[in-house]
Amino acid sequence: MVRLGPFPKGSPLEQMRAAGEVEVASGDLDDLPEPLVLPPRVETPSEALARRRRHER
């Protein structure tokens, strides 16, 4: 697909804001709870995802 017309102005984020596709965050990261502590020998979600994606690389 080719878009014929003037080159868009602003960064991609500014363009998305102008189109109403994104909003300013309303929360505060300090309001998040502390991370859960997993029992010993329990695989973390990050480790599980890395294991499942290992064959993709």
N, C-alpha and C. Protein backbone atom coordinates (compact mmCIF):
# COMPACT_ATOMS: atom_id res chain seq x y z
N MET A 1 0.85 -1.16 0.00
CA MET A 1 0.00 0.00 0.00
C MET A 1 0.90 1.23 0.00
N VAL A 2 0.50 2.20 -0.75
CA VAL A 2 1.25 3.45 -0.83
C VAL A 2 0.32 4.57 -0.39
N ARG A 3 0.86 5.43 0.45
CA ARG A 3 0.07 6.58 0.89
C ARG A 3 0.57 7.80 0.14
N LEU A 4 -0.30 8.36 -0.67
CA LEU A 4 0.06 9.55 -1.43
C LEU A 4 -0.45 10.78 -0.69
N GLY A 5 0.44 11.68 -0.42
CA GLY A 5 0.05 12.89 0.29
C GLY A 5 1.25 13.47 1.00
N PRO A 6 1.03 14.52 1.76
CA PRO A 6 2.16 15.13 2.46
C PRO A 6 2.73 14.18 3.51
N PHE A 7 4.02 14.31 3.74
CA PHE A 7 4.69 13.50 4.74
C PHE A 7 4.18 13.91 6.11
N PRO A 8 3.80 12.96 6.97
CA PRO A 8 3.26 13.31 8.29
C PRO A 8 4.29 14.08 9.13
N LYS A 9 3.79 15.02 9.91
CA LYS A 9 4.67 15.82 10.76
C LYS A 9 4.66 15.24 12.18
N GLY A 10 5.77 15.40 12.85
CA GLY A 10 5.88 14.94 14.23
C GLY A 10 6.34 13.50 14.31
N SER A 11 6.67 13.10 15.54
CA SER A 11 7.12 11.74 15.79
C SER A 11 5.92 10.79 15.69
N PRO A 12 6.18 9.50 15.58
CA PRO A 12 5.06 8.55 15.56
C PRO A 12 4.16 8.69 16.79
N LEU A 13 4.75 8.93 17.96
CA LEU A 13 3.95 9.12 19.17
C LEU A 13 3.08 10.36 19.06
N GLU A 14 3.63 11.46 18.56
CA GLU A 14 2.85 12.69 18.39
C GLU A 14 1.72 12.47 17.39
N GLN A 15 1.98 11.71 16.34
CA GLN A 15 0.94 11.41 15.34
C GLN A 15 -0.18 10.59 15.97
N MET A 16 0.18 9.60 16.81
CA MET A 16 -0.85 8.78 17.46
C MET A 16 -1.65 9.61 18.46
N ARG A 17 -0.98 10.52 19.17
CA ARG A 17 -1.71 11.40 20.09
C ARG A 17 -2.70 12.27 19.33
N ALA A 18 -2.27 12.83 18.20
CA ALA A 18 -3.14 13.70 17.40
C ALA A 18 -4.34 12.93 16.87
N ALA A 19 -4.15 11.64 16.58
CA ALA A 19 -5.24 10.81 16.07
C ALA A 19 -6.11 10.25 17.19
N GLY A 20 -5.75 10.52 18.45
CA GLY A 20 -6.53 10.01 19.57
C GLY A 20 -6.30 8.53 19.84
N GLU A 21 -5.17 8.00 19.39
CA GLU A 21 -4.91 6.57 19.54
C GLU A 21 -4.19 6.22 20.85
N VAL A 22 -3.67 7.21 21.56
CA VAL A 22 -3.01 6.98 22.84
C VAL A 22 -3.47 8.02 23.84
N GLU A 23 -3.33 7.69 25.12
CA GLU A 23 -3.70 8.60 26.19
C GLU A 23 -2.52 8.78 27.12
N VAL A 24 -2.51 9.87 27.85
CA VAL A 24 -1.50 10.11 28.86
C VAL A 24 -1.80 9.18 30.04
N ALA A 25 -0.77 8.60 30.62
CA ALA A 25 -0.96 7.70 31.76
C ALA A 25 -1.58 8.45 32.93
N SER A 26 -2.46 7.77 33.65
CA SER A 26 -3.12 8.42 34.78
C SER A 26 -2.65 7.87 36.12
N GLY A 27 -1.90 6.78 36.11
CA GLY A 27 -1.44 6.16 37.35
C GLY A 27 -0.02 6.55 37.69
N ASP A 28 0.46 6.00 38.78
CA ASP A 28 1.82 6.25 39.24
C ASP A 28 2.48 4.90 39.50
N LEU A 29 3.69 4.72 38.99
CA LEU A 29 4.38 3.45 39.18
C LEU A 29 4.61 3.13 40.65
N ASP A 30 4.69 4.14 41.49
CA ASP A 30 4.88 3.91 42.92
C ASP A 30 3.64 3.29 43.57
N ASP A 31 2.49 3.31 42.90
CA ASP A 31 1.27 2.72 43.44
C ASP A 31 1.20 1.21 43.21
N LEU A 32 2.11 0.67 42.41
CA LEU A 32 2.10 -0.77 42.15
C LEU A 32 2.54 -1.54 43.38
N PRO A 33 1.99 -2.75 43.57
CA PRO A 33 2.42 -3.55 44.72
C PRO A 33 3.82 -4.10 44.50
N GLU A 34 4.44 -4.57 45.57
CA GLU A 34 5.75 -5.20 45.48
C GLU A 34 5.63 -6.49 44.66
N PRO A 35 6.68 -6.86 43.94
CA PRO A 35 6.64 -8.11 43.17
C PRO A 35 6.43 -9.31 44.09
N LEU A 36 5.76 -10.34 43.57
CA LEU A 36 5.54 -11.56 44.34
C LEU A 36 6.86 -12.30 44.50
N VAL A 37 7.02 -12.93 45.64
CA VAL A 37 8.20 -13.76 45.89
C VAL A 37 7.81 -15.20 45.59
N LEU A 38 8.50 -15.82 44.65
CA LEU A 38 8.19 -17.20 44.27
C LEU A 38 8.92 -18.17 45.19
N PRO A 39 8.31 -19.32 45.43
CA PRO A 39 9.01 -20.34 46.22
C PRO A 39 10.27 -20.81 45.49
N PRO A 40 11.20 -21.41 46.23
CA PRO A 40 12.42 -21.91 45.59
C PRO A 40 12.10 -22.93 44.49
N ARG A 41 12.90 -22.95 43.47
CA ARG A 41 12.82 -23.88 42.33
C ARG A 41 11.55 -23.70 41.49
N VAL A 42 10.87 -22.57 41.61
CA VAL A 42 9.71 -22.28 40.77
C VAL A 42 10.17 -21.40 39.62
N GLU A 43 9.82 -21.81 38.41
CA GLU A 43 10.23 -21.07 37.21
C GLU A 43 9.49 -19.73 37.14
N THR A 44 10.23 -18.67 36.89
CA THR A 44 9.60 -17.36 36.76
C THR A 44 8.91 -17.26 35.40
N PRO A 45 7.94 -16.37 35.26
CA PRO A 45 7.30 -16.20 33.95
C PRO A 45 8.30 -15.84 32.86
N SER A 46 9.30 -15.03 33.18
CA SER A 46 10.31 -14.66 32.18
C SER A 46 11.11 -15.88 31.73
N GLU A 47 11.46 -16.74 32.67
CA GLU A 47 12.20 -17.96 32.33
C GLU A 47 11.35 -18.89 31.48
N ALA A 48 10.07 -19.02 31.82
CA ALA A 48 9.18 -19.89 31.05
C ALA A 48 9.03 -19.38 29.63
N LEU A 49 8.88 -18.08 29.47
CA LEU A 49 8.74 -17.50 28.13
C LEU A 49 10.02 -17.69 27.33
N ALA A 50 11.17 -17.47 27.97
CA ALA A 50 12.45 -17.66 27.28
C ALA A 50 12.61 -19.11 26.85
N ARG A 51 12.22 -20.05 27.71
CA ARG A 51 12.32 -21.47 27.37
C ARG A 51 11.43 -21.81 26.17
N ARG A 52 10.23 -21.28 26.16
CA ARG A 52 9.30 -21.56 25.05
C ARG A 52 9.75 -20.93 23.74
N ARG A 53 10.45 -19.81 23.82
CA ARG A 53 10.89 -19.11 22.60
C ARG A 53 12.28 -19.51 22.15
N ARG A 54 12.96 -20.34 22.92
CA ARG A 54 14.34 -20.70 22.62
C ARG A 54 14.49 -21.26 21.21
N HIS A 55 13.52 -22.05 20.76
CA HIS A 55 13.61 -22.67 19.42
C HIS A 55 13.37 -21.67 18.29
N GLU A 56 12.85 -20.48 18.61
CA GLU A 56 12.55 -19.48 17.58
C GLU A 56 13.78 -18.72 17.13
N ARG A 57 14.86 -18.81 17.87
CA ARG A 57 16.04 -18.00 17.55
C ARG A 57 17.06 -18.78 16.80
